[in-house]
Amino acid sequence: MLVQQFLENSADRTPDKIALVCGARRLSFRELDQGANRLARTLAAFGVRRGDRVAILLDNSPEAVISIFGVLKRGAVFVVLHPTTKRDKLAYLLEDAEPTALVVDTQRARNSLDVIGSSSLLCVVRADDGPLDLPASIVSIGWSEVEQSSAERPTRTGIDVDLATLIYTSGSTGKPKGVMSTHANMVAAATSVNAYVGNTSDDVIINVLPLAFDYGLYQILLAFQVGACVVLEQGFAFPAHTVAVIERERVTGLPAVPTLVALLLKYPELLRRELPSLRYITNTAAALPVRHIQQLREAFPSVRIISMYGLTECKRVSYLPPEELDRRPSSVGIPIPNTEAFVVGDDGQRLGPGEIGELVIRGSHVMRGYWRAPELTAARFRSGAFPGETILYSGDLFRTDDEGFLYFVARKDDVIKSRGEKVTPREVEDVVCQLPIVAEAAVLGVPDTVLGQAILLVVAPRPGEHITERELRAHCARTLDDFMQPKYVDIVTELPRTDNGKIDKLRISAEYAACVES
């Protein structure tokens, strides 16, 4: 099966059913499918070939969704870029992916004309039909021109081992890497996730995450695979709005990240709202503090809360069955269906319960590797025990309990070595977040001539609350070992974020270094 068949099959089964709600716009499966057909034919007419990359630089919108499936119907590879991508990063991504086409709104294109003009592009599709002057070598196509193309499905090309997308990682530890995912990888991942989440055609899934983030992108794929509806939002900066949309659209599924949960928990009045339609909340990107899980359980006792762990290189690794949440709130669960995950030591041998090592993943959802980066690919995607197989080394430290449930410990490169002891940031963050007035906490290691690395704790209190450094240090002294005590404490209004909503520890580290130098 190819990924575009998720949309095509749903359009064949229930053509008039609303598939996508975006603000005031409501599009059926037939409308989305026909829009994607038109774009595929337009791209073909202007020189986009099978296997070419097509970049999509749009806000969450119907045009973005149509573009993803239109590119696939052409047999090309879609590359969704974050809509806030800055000029220098955009230049790097366009140079790295070498797309032959770009779907973009006019204003963003105008802001990056010099970057676009020096790229490999053959054509630019203007999603809002605005006027745009481009170099003579690049064809400019308005959305109204796309809509004049035939809505008949183009002849299907390609097979499931063909590349479907490049998903660029956030680049928190260096330049962004393009993760190569085939149709087979994506179909396997979506099928497995839908199996344990239990999505059906009756579900309504709200997506407040950018489509450039694989967690956001997959909400579209998961829904369309089973014929469910997606409510596509621009973001989650205003929790009251998100809750109002959940009520109005009778949302059944809420894919969350720790930032969204922390925002919701800042406003107790929102947690007192009855949301009878809501069936499940999932979480990934980073682990939720145990206290936040407990607060969600108290606020939504009838809602299934599914903690998960994944990484872009294989989409998803594990999930915690909701019935296990009270017994093992800090666990990220068991491998997803049709997946094997185990912990190994430095010698590659499997470790027993309680032993800490690197998590390794086997499965048909393990992606092909990094785009044009064979050395990086060889470091992460290695030969397995069986002839011809490739397994993924996650770069994350884990342990298991006696029953095989997985527990995230730290990123391998995130462990703090202080006083000769190893400190995992999450353990300290969880302890600090036990304080009711703390909204979020970030812990990282900073250079120290005596300790090797000192522990820096950055805390954001809840709105309207006040906490002092003395209170934080007293709490840490009561609950943490001596070698885990923070040397530096910083209290801020809010923590900086990456494009994907994760706490931006790289920025925190850079700001700390700048303060030290000054």
Protein backbone atom coordinates (compact mmCIF):
# COMPACT_ATOMS: atom_id res chain seq x y z
CA MET A 1 0.00 0.00 0.00
CA LEU A 2 1.06 3.60 -0.67
CA VAL A 3 0.42 6.45 1.77
CA GLN A 4 -1.87 8.38 -0.60
CA GLN A 5 -4.24 5.41 -0.59
CA PHE A 6 -5.23 6.38 2.97
CA LEU A 7 -7.00 9.39 1.46
CA GLU A 8 -8.16 7.66 -1.70
CA ASN A 9 -9.72 4.72 0.12
CA SER A 10 -11.56 6.98 2.56
CA ALA A 11 -12.77 9.13 -0.34
CA ASP A 12 -14.11 6.02 -2.05
CA ARG A 13 -15.85 4.74 1.09
CA THR A 14 -17.29 8.01 2.45
CA PRO A 15 -16.79 10.75 -0.16
CA ASP A 16 -19.08 13.32 1.47
CA LYS A 17 -17.91 12.86 5.04
CA ILE A 18 -16.08 15.84 6.53
CA ALA A 19 -12.41 14.89 6.70
CA LEU A 20 -10.81 18.19 7.71
CA VAL A 21 -11.96 21.13 9.81
CA CYS A 22 -9.69 24.17 9.76
CA GLY A 23 -11.22 27.29 11.26
CA ALA A 24 -14.39 28.01 9.30
CA ARG A 25 -13.41 25.68 6.47
CA ARG A 26 -14.78 22.14 6.31
CA LEU A 27 -13.61 19.82 3.53
CA SER A 28 -14.87 16.35 2.66
CA PHE A 29 -12.72 13.40 1.69
CA ARG A 30 -13.82 13.88 -1.93
CA GLU A 31 -12.76 17.54 -1.92
CA LEU A 32 -9.36 16.76 -0.46
CA ASP A 33 -8.80 13.86 -2.86
CA GLN A 34 -9.78 15.93 -5.89
CA GLY A 35 -7.60 18.82 -4.73
CA ALA A 36 -4.63 16.46 -4.39
CA ASN A 37 -5.34 15.04 -7.88
CA ARG A 38 -5.30 18.54 -9.36
CA LEU A 39 -2.03 19.43 -7.67
CA ALA A 40 -0.41 16.16 -8.79
CA ARG A 41 -1.34 16.89 -12.39
CA THR A 42 -0.10 20.47 -12.10
CA LEU A 43 3.25 19.37 -10.71
CA ALA A 44 3.62 16.83 -13.51
CA ALA A 45 2.83 19.48 -16.14
CA PHE A 46 5.60 21.72 -14.83
CA GLY A 47 8.36 19.12 -14.74
CA VAL A 48 8.18 17.42 -11.33
CA ARG A 49 9.17 13.78 -11.80
CA ARG A 50 8.85 10.62 -9.79
CA GLY A 51 11.30 10.73 -6.88
CA ASP A 52 11.74 14.52 -6.97
CA ARG A 53 11.43 16.38 -3.69
CA VAL A 54 8.70 18.98 -3.23
CA ALA A 55 8.98 21.36 -0.27
CA ILE A 56 5.86 22.60 1.53
CA LEU A 57 6.23 25.81 3.55
CA LEU A 58 2.75 26.59 4.87
CA ASP A 59 0.83 27.07 8.09
CA ASN A 60 -1.45 24.24 9.14
CA SER A 61 -4.12 24.56 6.45
CA PRO A 62 -6.19 22.61 3.92
CA GLU A 63 -3.65 23.61 1.24
CA ALA A 64 -0.87 22.00 3.29
CA VAL A 65 -2.80 18.73 3.59
CA ILE A 66 -3.74 18.77 -0.11
CA SER A 67 -0.10 19.42 -0.98
CA ILE A 68 1.16 16.40 0.99
CA PHE A 69 -1.15 14.03 -0.84
CA GLY A 70 -0.76 15.78 -4.18
CA VAL A 71 3.01 15.31 -4.04
CA LEU A 72 2.57 11.62 -3.21
CA LYS A 73 0.09 11.14 -6.05
CA ARG A 74 2.72 12.53 -8.40
CA GLY A 75 5.15 9.88 -7.15
CA ALA A 76 7.36 12.54 -5.59
CA VAL A 77 8.71 13.04 -2.06
CA PHE A 78 7.12 15.65 0.22
CA VAL A 79 9.24 17.74 2.57
CA VAL A 80 7.14 19.70 5.06
CA LEU A 81 9.10 22.64 6.48
CA HIS A 82 8.12 24.49 9.63
CA PRO A 83 6.28 27.70 8.69
CA THR A 84 8.51 29.81 10.95
CA THR A 85 11.73 28.56 9.34
CA LYS A 86 14.22 31.43 9.24
CA ARG A 87 15.98 32.52 6.07
CA ASP A 88 19.39 30.92 6.74
CA LYS A 89 17.89 27.62 7.78
CA LEU A 90 15.58 27.67 4.76
CA ALA A 91 18.57 28.17 2.51
CA TYR A 92 20.28 25.16 4.06
CA LEU A 93 17.17 22.94 3.76
CA LEU A 94 16.55 23.88 0.12
CA GLU A 95 20.19 23.23 -0.69
CA ASP A 96 20.16 19.89 1.13
CA ALA A 97 16.84 18.50 -0.17
CA GLU A 98 17.18 20.01 -3.66
CA PRO A 99 13.42 20.25 -4.27
CA THR A 100 12.16 20.89 -7.79
CA ALA A 101 8.98 22.56 -6.49
CA LEU A 102 7.92 24.63 -3.50
CA VAL A 103 4.38 25.20 -2.22
CA VAL A 104 4.36 28.40 -0.20
CA ASP A 105 2.23 31.41 0.67
CA THR A 106 3.14 34.61 -1.13
CA GLN A 107 4.41 36.60 1.84
CA ARG A 108 6.84 33.91 2.92
CA ALA A 109 8.08 33.60 -0.64
CA ARG A 110 8.62 37.37 -0.86
CA ASN A 111 10.60 37.31 2.39
CA SER A 112 12.96 34.70 0.94
CA LEU A 113 13.21 35.66 -2.74
CA ASP A 114 16.99 35.55 -2.81
CA VAL A 115 17.01 32.08 -1.22
CA ILE A 116 14.35 30.77 -3.60
CA GLY A 117 16.05 32.33 -6.60
CA SER A 118 19.35 30.58 -5.94
CA SER A 119 17.79 27.15 -5.30
CA SER A 120 17.14 24.11 -7.51
CA LEU A 121 13.45 24.98 -7.95
CA LEU A 122 11.68 24.62 -11.27
CA CYS A 123 8.38 26.00 -10.00
CA VAL A 124 6.72 27.69 -7.04
CA VAL A 125 3.05 27.10 -6.25
CA ARG A 126 1.50 30.09 -4.49
CA ALA A 127 -1.05 28.68 -2.07
CA ASP A 128 -2.86 32.00 -1.68
CA ASP A 129 -2.65 33.20 -5.31
CA GLY A 130 -0.84 36.42 -4.37
CA PRO A 131 1.38 38.22 -6.89
CA LEU A 132 5.03 37.18 -6.85
CA ASP A 133 8.01 38.14 -9.01
CA LEU A 134 10.40 35.25 -9.46
CA PRO A 135 13.52 34.74 -11.57
CA ALA A 136 12.73 33.79 -15.16
CA SER A 137 14.10 30.28 -14.55
CA ILE A 138 11.34 29.50 -11.99
CA VAL A 139 7.71 29.14 -13.02
CA SER A 140 5.18 30.78 -10.69
CA ILE A 141 1.85 28.94 -10.39
CA GLY A 142 -1.20 30.34 -8.61
CA TRP A 143 -3.57 28.12 -6.64
CA SER A 144 -6.38 29.09 -9.00
CA GLU A 145 -4.34 27.54 -11.83
CA VAL A 146 -4.04 24.35 -9.81
CA GLU A 147 -7.81 24.27 -9.36
CA GLN A 148 -8.30 24.41 -13.12
CA SER A 149 -6.48 21.09 -13.59
CA SER A 150 -8.38 17.84 -13.96
CA ALA A 151 -9.67 16.30 -10.72
CA GLU A 152 -9.37 12.78 -12.13
CA ARG A 153 -6.90 10.62 -10.25
CA PRO A 154 -3.57 10.36 -12.03
CA THR A 155 -2.18 6.95 -12.83
CA ARG A 156 -0.57 5.58 -9.71
CA THR A 157 3.20 5.24 -9.92
CA GLY A 158 5.72 3.84 -7.52
CA ILE A 159 5.89 0.99 -5.03
CA ASP A 160 6.01 0.91 -1.25
CA VAL A 161 9.81 0.87 -0.97
CA ASP A 162 9.96 4.27 -2.69
CA LEU A 163 10.76 7.30 -0.59
CA ALA A 164 7.63 9.14 0.58
CA THR A 165 9.02 11.95 2.71
CA LEU A 166 12.04 13.63 4.22
CA ILE A 167 11.35 14.73 7.77
CA TYR A 168 14.00 17.08 9.07
CA THR A 169 14.95 16.78 12.71
CA SER A 170 14.95 19.89 14.85
CA GLY A 171 18.72 20.24 14.70
CA SER A 172 19.09 20.83 18.45
CA THR A 173 22.57 19.27 18.35
CA GLY A 174 23.71 20.50 14.95
CA LYS A 175 22.41 20.99 11.42
CA PRO A 176 19.03 19.43 10.66
CA LYS A 177 19.13 15.89 9.31
CA GLY A 178 16.63 14.64 6.75
CA VAL A 179 15.17 11.33 7.90
CA MET A 180 14.20 9.21 4.87
CA SER A 181 10.88 7.42 5.23
CA THR A 182 9.44 5.09 2.63
CA HIS A 183 5.76 4.41 1.97
CA ALA A 184 6.21 1.02 3.63
CA ASN A 185 7.74 2.64 6.73
CA MET A 186 4.86 5.10 7.08
CA VAL A 187 2.10 2.59 6.43
CA ALA A 188 3.63 0.23 9.01
CA ALA A 189 3.93 2.99 11.60
CA ALA A 190 0.38 4.29 11.07
CA THR A 191 -1.11 0.80 11.17
CA SER A 192 0.67 -0.01 14.43
CA VAL A 193 -0.28 3.25 16.15
CA ASN A 194 -3.92 2.98 15.09
CA ALA A 195 -3.97 -0.57 16.47
CA TYR A 196 -3.23 0.47 20.06
CA VAL A 197 -4.89 3.90 20.05
CA GLY A 198 -8.03 2.35 18.57
CA ASN A 199 -8.97 5.09 16.11
CA THR A 200 -12.07 4.42 14.01
CA SER A 201 -14.09 6.37 11.46
CA ASP A 202 -16.15 7.79 14.35
CA ASP A 203 -13.17 9.62 15.85
CA VAL A 204 -12.48 13.34 15.65
CA ILE A 205 -8.80 14.11 16.27
CA ILE A 206 -7.61 17.63 17.05
CA ASN A 207 -4.12 18.51 15.83
CA VAL A 208 -2.50 21.64 17.25
CA LEU A 209 1.01 20.57 16.23
CA PRO A 210 2.85 21.69 13.07
CA LEU A 211 2.78 19.25 10.16
CA ALA A 212 6.56 19.57 9.95
CA PHE A 213 6.66 17.69 13.27
CA ASP A 214 6.14 13.99 12.61
CA TYR A 215 3.70 13.73 15.53
CA GLY A 216 1.54 16.40 13.90
CA LEU A 217 1.91 14.95 10.41
CA TYR A 218 0.86 11.49 11.53
CA GLN A 219 -2.42 12.74 12.98
CA ILE A 220 -3.51 13.34 9.38
CA LEU A 221 -2.31 9.91 8.28
CA LEU A 222 -3.82 8.07 11.25
CA ALA A 223 -7.19 9.72 10.73
CA PHE A 224 -7.36 9.25 6.97
CA GLN A 225 -6.29 5.61 7.21
CA VAL A 226 -9.51 4.81 9.13
CA GLY A 227 -11.74 7.54 7.70
CA ALA A 228 -11.74 9.76 10.80
CA CYS A 229 -11.94 13.57 10.90
CA VAL A 230 -9.08 15.93 11.79
CA VAL A 231 -9.59 19.35 13.37
CA LEU A 232 -6.47 21.22 12.26
CA GLU A 233 -5.42 24.18 14.41
CA GLN A 234 -2.58 26.67 14.07
CA GLY A 235 -1.10 26.00 17.49
CA PHE A 236 -1.83 25.79 21.22
CA ALA A 237 -0.73 29.17 22.55
CA PHE A 238 -4.25 29.80 23.86
CA PRO A 239 -5.46 26.80 25.89
CA ALA A 240 -8.95 28.24 26.37
CA HIS A 241 -9.41 28.31 22.60
CA THR A 242 -8.21 24.71 22.28
CA VAL A 243 -10.65 23.53 24.95
CA ALA A 244 -13.48 25.46 23.27
CA VAL A 245 -12.73 23.77 19.94
CA ILE A 246 -12.70 20.35 21.64
CA GLU A 247 -16.16 21.09 23.02
CA ARG A 248 -17.58 22.51 19.77
CA GLU A 249 -16.27 19.81 17.44
CA ARG A 250 -16.84 16.95 19.90
CA VAL A 251 -13.20 15.92 19.69
CA THR A 252 -12.42 12.38 20.79
CA GLY A 253 -8.61 12.36 20.49
CA LEU A 254 -6.10 14.91 21.78
CA PRO A 255 -2.45 14.34 20.79
CA ALA A 256 -0.47 16.33 23.35
CA VAL A 257 3.12 17.23 24.12
CA PRO A 258 4.42 18.20 27.57
CA THR A 259 4.21 21.90 26.69
CA LEU A 260 0.51 21.66 25.91
CA VAL A 261 -0.16 19.70 29.09
CA ALA A 262 1.81 22.22 31.16
CA LEU A 263 -0.21 25.06 29.60
CA LEU A 264 -3.51 23.34 30.39
CA LEU A 265 -2.44 22.67 33.95
CA LYS A 266 -1.67 26.36 34.42
CA TYR A 267 -5.39 27.10 34.18
CA PRO A 268 -7.38 24.98 36.66
CA GLU A 269 -10.67 26.48 35.43
CA LEU A 270 -10.13 24.78 32.07
CA LEU A 271 -9.59 21.43 33.74
CA ARG A 272 -12.98 21.76 35.40
CA ARG A 273 -14.73 21.92 32.03
CA GLU A 274 -16.62 18.78 31.11
CA LEU A 275 -15.38 17.27 27.87
CA PRO A 276 -17.69 14.26 27.46
CA SER A 277 -16.59 13.53 23.89
CA LEU A 278 -12.89 13.19 24.73
CA ARG A 279 -11.82 9.53 24.62
CA TYR A 280 -8.02 9.67 24.82
CA ILE A 281 -5.00 11.91 25.31
CA THR A 282 -1.66 10.79 23.93
CA ASN A 283 1.72 12.25 24.82
CA THR A 284 5.12 12.05 23.18
CA ALA A 285 8.11 14.29 22.22
CA ALA A 286 9.27 14.16 25.87
CA ALA A 287 8.13 12.37 28.99
CA LEU A 288 5.47 13.96 31.16
CA PRO A 289 6.44 14.58 34.77
CA VAL A 290 4.62 12.10 36.99
CA ARG A 291 2.81 14.91 38.79
CA HIS A 292 1.40 16.18 35.48
CA ILE A 293 0.11 12.68 34.70
CA GLN A 294 -1.59 12.55 38.10
CA GLN A 295 -3.21 15.95 37.52
CA LEU A 296 -4.52 14.85 34.12
CA ARG A 297 -5.94 11.71 35.68
CA GLU A 298 -7.72 13.78 38.31
CA ALA A 299 -9.08 16.26 35.75
CA PHE A 300 -10.21 13.65 33.19
CA PRO A 301 -10.90 10.40 35.07
CA SER A 302 -12.78 8.77 32.17
CA VAL A 303 -10.19 9.67 29.51
CA ARG A 304 -7.55 7.13 28.42
CA ILE A 305 -4.11 8.72 28.90
CA ILE A 306 -1.48 7.03 26.73
CA SER A 307 2.16 7.86 27.43
CA MET A 308 4.38 7.10 24.44
CA TYR A 309 7.97 7.27 23.33
CA GLY A 310 9.24 7.67 19.81
CA LEU A 311 11.80 9.31 17.60
CA THR A 312 11.63 10.60 14.06
CA GLU A 313 13.85 7.78 12.80
CA CYS A 314 11.09 5.21 13.40
CA LYS A 315 8.07 7.33 14.32
CA ARG A 316 7.00 5.39 17.44
CA VAL A 317 8.67 2.82 19.68
CA SER A 318 6.47 2.20 22.71
CA TYR A 319 3.24 3.03 24.48
CA LEU A 320 1.98 2.49 28.03
CA PRO A 321 -1.39 0.74 28.14
CA PRO A 322 -3.68 3.09 30.11
CA GLU A 323 -4.54 0.37 32.63
CA GLU A 324 -0.85 0.37 33.65
CA LEU A 325 -0.66 4.12 34.24
CA ASP A 326 -1.30 4.03 37.99
CA ARG A 327 1.15 1.17 38.55
CA ARG A 328 4.01 2.57 36.42
CA PRO A 329 3.41 6.30 35.81
CA SER A 330 7.05 6.91 34.88
CA SER A 331 7.18 4.12 32.27
CA VAL A 332 6.79 4.64 28.52
CA GLY A 333 5.42 1.15 28.26
CA ILE A 334 5.91 -1.74 25.88
CA PRO A 335 6.88 -1.89 22.20
CA ILE A 336 4.11 -0.95 19.78
CA PRO A 337 2.59 -3.79 17.72
CA ASN A 338 5.00 -5.43 15.25
CA THR A 339 8.03 -3.87 16.95
CA GLU A 340 10.84 -5.17 19.10
CA ALA A 341 12.77 -2.86 21.44
CA PHE A 342 15.51 -3.88 23.85
CA VAL A 343 18.33 -2.38 25.90
CA VAL A 344 21.99 -3.11 25.10
CA GLY A 345 25.31 -2.32 26.70
CA ASP A 346 28.34 -0.76 25.03
CA ASP A 347 29.27 -4.19 23.66
CA GLY A 348 25.88 -4.55 21.92
CA GLN A 349 24.73 -7.36 24.22
CA ARG A 350 21.23 -7.27 25.69
CA LEU A 351 20.99 -6.15 29.31
CA GLY A 352 18.75 -7.43 32.06
CA PRO A 353 16.08 -5.65 34.16
CA GLY A 354 17.32 -2.55 35.94
CA GLU A 355 20.50 -2.25 33.88
CA ILE A 356 20.91 1.01 31.95
CA GLY A 357 21.95 0.96 28.31
CA GLU A 358 21.01 2.19 24.86
CA LEU A 359 17.59 1.36 23.43
CA VAL A 360 17.63 -0.52 20.11
CA ILE A 361 14.60 -0.87 17.83
CA ARG A 362 13.65 -3.48 15.22
CA GLY A 363 10.65 -3.18 12.93
CA SER A 364 9.32 -2.39 9.48
CA HIS A 365 8.79 1.22 10.55
CA VAL A 366 12.55 1.78 11.04
CA MET A 367 13.30 4.31 8.36
CA ARG A 368 15.87 4.10 5.61
CA GLY A 369 18.44 6.46 7.07
CA TYR A 370 19.59 10.08 6.81
CA TRP A 371 19.41 11.91 3.50
CA ARG A 372 22.85 12.22 1.93
CA ALA A 373 24.59 11.45 5.23
CA PRO A 374 26.03 7.91 4.98
CA GLU A 375 28.34 8.31 7.99
CA LEU A 376 25.51 9.45 10.26
CA THR A 377 23.32 6.68 8.90
CA ALA A 378 25.97 4.04 9.61
CA ALA A 379 26.27 5.28 13.19
CA ARG A 380 22.57 4.92 13.97
CA PHE A 381 21.24 2.30 11.54
CA ARG A 382 23.36 -0.80 12.04
CA SER A 383 23.29 -4.44 11.00
CA GLY A 384 21.19 -6.63 13.25
CA ALA A 385 21.54 -10.21 14.40
CA PHE A 386 19.66 -11.56 11.40
CA PRO A 387 21.15 -11.49 7.87
CA GLY A 388 20.29 -8.38 5.89
CA GLU A 389 18.33 -6.58 8.60
CA THR A 390 18.90 -3.04 9.83
CA ILE A 391 18.21 -2.02 13.41
CA LEU A 392 18.07 1.45 14.93
CA TYR A 393 20.24 2.60 17.81
CA SER A 394 18.13 5.30 19.45
CA GLY A 395 20.83 7.33 21.16
CA ASP A 396 18.70 7.21 24.33
CA LEU A 397 19.46 5.48 27.62
CA PHE A 398 16.76 3.17 28.98
CA ARG A 399 16.15 0.47 31.54
CA THR A 400 13.43 -2.16 31.89
CA ASP A 401 11.63 -3.52 34.91
CA ASP A 402 11.12 -7.20 35.72
CA GLU A 403 8.07 -7.36 33.43
CA GLY A 404 9.81 -5.76 30.45
CA PHE A 405 8.28 -2.29 30.67
CA LEU A 406 10.54 0.45 29.34
CA TYR A 407 11.77 3.50 31.28
CA PHE A 408 13.49 6.46 29.65
CA VAL A 409 16.59 7.52 31.56
CA ALA A 410 18.28 10.20 29.44
CA ARG A 411 19.71 11.08 26.08
CA LYS A 412 23.17 9.53 25.86
CA ASP A 413 24.63 12.96 25.20
CA ASP A 414 22.38 14.58 27.85
CA VAL A 415 23.71 12.82 30.95
CA ILE A 416 25.37 15.23 33.36
CA LYS A 417 28.64 14.07 34.90
CA SER A 418 29.13 16.00 38.13
CA ARG A 419 31.55 15.13 40.97
CA GLY A 420 32.25 11.86 39.17
CA GLU A 421 28.56 10.89 39.40
CA LYS A 422 26.06 10.59 36.57
CA VAL A 423 22.92 12.70 36.84
CA THR A 424 19.94 12.28 34.52
CA PRO A 425 18.13 15.60 33.94
CA ARG A 426 14.68 14.04 33.91
CA GLU A 427 15.06 12.71 37.46
CA VAL A 428 15.80 16.21 38.80
CA GLU A 429 13.07 17.79 36.63
CA ASP A 430 10.47 15.35 37.92
CA VAL A 431 11.36 16.13 41.52
CA VAL A 432 11.17 19.90 40.97
CA CYS A 433 7.82 19.56 39.16
CA GLN A 434 6.36 17.93 42.26
CA LEU A 435 6.04 21.42 43.67
CA PRO A 436 2.45 22.53 42.88
CA ILE A 437 3.50 26.07 41.99
CA VAL A 438 6.04 24.91 39.38
CA ALA A 439 4.75 24.77 35.80
CA GLU A 440 7.91 23.48 34.12
CA ALA A 441 11.55 22.82 34.81
CA ALA A 442 14.64 22.27 32.69
CA VAL A 443 17.92 20.80 33.94
CA LEU A 444 21.20 20.74 32.06
CA GLY A 445 24.90 20.50 32.70
CA VAL A 446 27.22 23.49 32.31
CA PRO A 447 31.05 23.49 32.37
CA ASP A 448 32.65 23.75 35.80
CA THR A 449 36.37 23.67 36.56
CA VAL A 450 35.87 21.84 39.88
CA LEU A 451 32.83 19.61 39.29
CA GLY A 452 33.43 18.83 35.63
CA GLN A 453 29.82 19.79 35.01
CA ALA A 454 27.57 21.77 37.30
CA ILE A 455 23.81 21.42 37.35
CA LEU A 456 21.77 24.37 36.08
CA LEU A 457 18.07 24.39 37.02
CA VAL A 458 15.70 26.71 35.17
CA VAL A 459 12.14 26.94 36.50
CA ALA A 460 8.94 28.59 35.28
CA PRO A 461 6.23 28.95 37.96
CA ARG A 462 2.52 28.84 37.26
CA PRO A 463 0.87 32.14 36.22
CA GLY A 464 0.23 34.33 39.23
CA GLU A 465 2.48 32.22 41.44
CA HIS A 466 5.83 33.18 42.94
CA ILE A 467 8.67 30.96 44.01
CA THR A 468 12.07 31.88 45.35
CA GLU A 469 15.45 30.31 44.74
CA ARG A 470 15.62 29.52 48.45
CA GLU A 471 12.38 27.52 48.27
CA LEU A 472 13.63 25.58 45.25
CA ARG A 473 16.94 24.76 46.86
CA ALA A 474 15.23 23.65 50.07
CA HIS A 475 12.95 21.32 48.12
CA CYS A 476 15.91 19.85 46.20
CA ALA A 477 17.87 19.39 49.43
CA ARG A 478 14.96 17.41 50.92
CA THR A 479 14.42 15.16 47.92
CA LEU A 480 17.65 14.77 45.92
CA ASP A 481 21.06 13.24 46.63
CA ASP A 482 23.88 15.66 47.33
CA PHE A 483 25.54 15.17 43.94
CA MET A 484 22.22 16.00 42.22
CA GLN A 485 21.80 19.42 43.84
CA PRO A 486 21.73 22.32 41.35
CA LYS A 487 24.63 24.74 41.61
CA TYR A 488 22.77 27.40 39.61
CA VAL A 489 19.06 28.24 39.74
CA ASP A 490 17.26 30.55 37.37
CA ILE A 491 13.57 31.50 37.65
CA VAL A 492 11.92 32.66 34.42
CA THR A 493 8.44 33.53 33.23
CA GLU A 494 8.50 30.83 30.56
CA LEU A 495 10.99 28.41 29.06
CA PRO A 496 12.20 28.85 25.48
CA ARG A 497 10.83 26.45 22.84
CA THR A 498 12.02 24.83 19.65
CA ASP A 499 9.80 24.92 16.56
CA ASN A 500 8.29 21.60 17.66
CA GLY A 501 7.34 22.88 21.10
CA LYS A 502 10.10 21.12 23.03
CA ILE A 503 12.05 22.95 25.70
CA ASP A 504 15.03 24.46 23.88
CA LYS A 505 17.94 23.41 26.09
CA LEU A 506 20.44 24.44 23.44
CA ARG A 507 19.20 28.02 23.68
CA ILE A 508 19.25 27.91 27.50
CA SER A 509 22.85 26.69 27.37
CA ALA A 510 23.83 29.42 24.89
CA GLU A 511 22.21 32.12 27.03
CA TYR A 512 24.01 30.81 30.12
CA ALA A 513 27.34 30.83 28.26
CA ALA A 514 26.73 34.39 27.07
CA CYS A 515 26.03 35.50 30.65
CA VAL A 516 29.23 33.87 31.89
CA GLU A 517 31.31 35.50 29.14
CA SER A 518 29.85 38.92 29.88
